[in-house]
């Protein structure tokens, strides 16, 4: 499943999902891949998939990214999207 992701740099740690769009707040600075690693870790915890199943398709150095999450069950995906206003 592919998602459009917007990264915000603040300390709230919030994840907001609206269909195929995700807004995620992270603490790490966008230097040396730290922000991307934190984003992947938070998404891994949120969607319940291993970190190695989350790929940045485009936007490695941008706040706007396209990511792909593999092996996420449909039931879990729809439940999370319906109930995730923020985390």
Protein backbone atom coordinates (compact mmCIF):
# COMPACT_ATOMS: atom_id res chain seq x y z
CA UNK A 1 0.00 0.00 0.00
CA UNK A 2 1.38 3.43 -0.94
CA UNK A 3 0.88 6.59 1.07
CA UNK A 4 1.62 10.26 0.59
CA UNK A 5 3.41 11.47 3.73
CA UNK A 6 4.00 14.99 4.99
CA UNK A 7 6.62 15.32 7.72
CA UNK A 8 6.40 18.04 10.36
CA UNK A 9 9.29 18.75 12.67
CA UNK A 10 8.04 19.21 16.23
CA UNK A 11 7.94 17.15 19.37
CA UNK A 12 4.29 16.09 19.43
CA UNK A 13 4.95 12.65 17.91
CA UNK A 14 1.53 12.70 16.31
CA UNK A 15 0.44 10.56 13.36
CA UNK A 16 -2.68 11.60 11.46
CA UNK A 17 -4.07 9.37 8.73
CA UNK A 18 -6.66 10.46 6.19
CA UNK A 19 -7.15 7.82 3.50
CA UNK A 20 -3.82 7.46 1.69
CA UNK A 21 -2.38 10.64 3.22
CA UNK A 22 -0.39 10.67 6.44
CA UNK A 23 0.91 13.61 8.45
CA UNK A 24 3.59 12.62 10.94
CA UNK A 25 5.37 14.77 13.52
CA UNK A 26 8.90 13.84 14.47
CA UNK A 27 11.61 15.22 16.74
CA UNK A 28 14.77 14.38 14.80
CA UNK A 29 16.52 16.93 12.63
CA UNK A 30 16.56 16.19 8.90
CA UNK A 31 20.30 15.47 8.88
CA UNK A 32 22.14 12.28 7.96
CA UNK A 33 18.89 10.32 7.55
CA UNK A 34 17.87 10.66 11.22
CA UNK A 35 14.42 12.07 10.42
CA UNK A 36 13.71 9.31 7.87
CA UNK A 37 14.75 6.62 10.37
CA UNK A 38 12.50 8.10 13.08
CA UNK A 39 9.61 8.37 10.62
CA UNK A 40 9.99 4.71 9.59
CA UNK A 41 10.21 3.58 13.23
CA UNK A 42 7.03 5.48 14.19
CA UNK A 43 5.15 4.15 11.16
CA UNK A 44 6.33 0.63 11.95
CA UNK A 45 4.88 0.89 15.45
CA UNK A 46 1.68 2.53 14.23
CA UNK A 47 0.91 0.05 11.44
CA UNK A 48 2.29 -3.00 13.25
CA UNK A 49 4.75 -4.02 10.54
CA UNK A 50 8.52 -4.51 10.71
CA UNK A 51 10.64 -1.49 9.79
CA UNK A 52 12.15 -3.37 6.85
CA UNK A 53 8.68 -3.48 5.22
CA UNK A 54 8.47 0.32 4.93
CA UNK A 55 10.15 1.94 1.94
CA UNK A 56 10.59 5.57 0.94
CA UNK A 57 9.72 5.55 -2.76
CA UNK A 58 10.36 9.25 -3.34
CA UNK A 59 11.19 12.32 -1.27
CA UNK A 60 14.26 11.10 0.64
CA UNK A 61 15.30 14.71 1.33
CA UNK A 62 11.86 16.34 1.26
CA UNK A 63 9.10 16.90 3.81
CA UNK A 64 6.69 15.35 1.31
CA UNK A 65 7.33 11.69 0.63
CA UNK A 66 5.76 8.69 -1.01
CA UNK A 67 6.17 5.55 1.09
CA UNK A 68 5.20 1.95 0.56
CA UNK A 69 4.20 -0.37 3.38
CA UNK A 70 4.28 -4.09 2.59
CA UNK A 71 2.42 -6.93 4.30
CA UNK A 72 -0.16 -4.81 6.07
CA UNK A 73 -3.44 -6.67 6.44
CA UNK A 74 -6.53 -5.05 4.93
CA UNK A 75 -8.52 -5.45 8.14
CA UNK A 76 -5.81 -3.80 10.23
CA UNK A 77 -5.26 -1.04 7.65
CA UNK A 78 -8.93 -0.07 7.51
CA UNK A 79 -9.33 -0.22 11.30
CA UNK A 80 -6.34 2.06 11.82
CA UNK A 81 -7.47 4.54 9.17
CA UNK A 82 -10.97 4.76 10.58
CA UNK A 83 -9.77 5.25 14.17
CA UNK A 84 -6.59 7.28 13.72
CA UNK A 85 -7.18 10.96 14.17
CA UNK A 86 -3.87 11.30 15.94
CA UNK A 87 -1.57 9.21 18.00
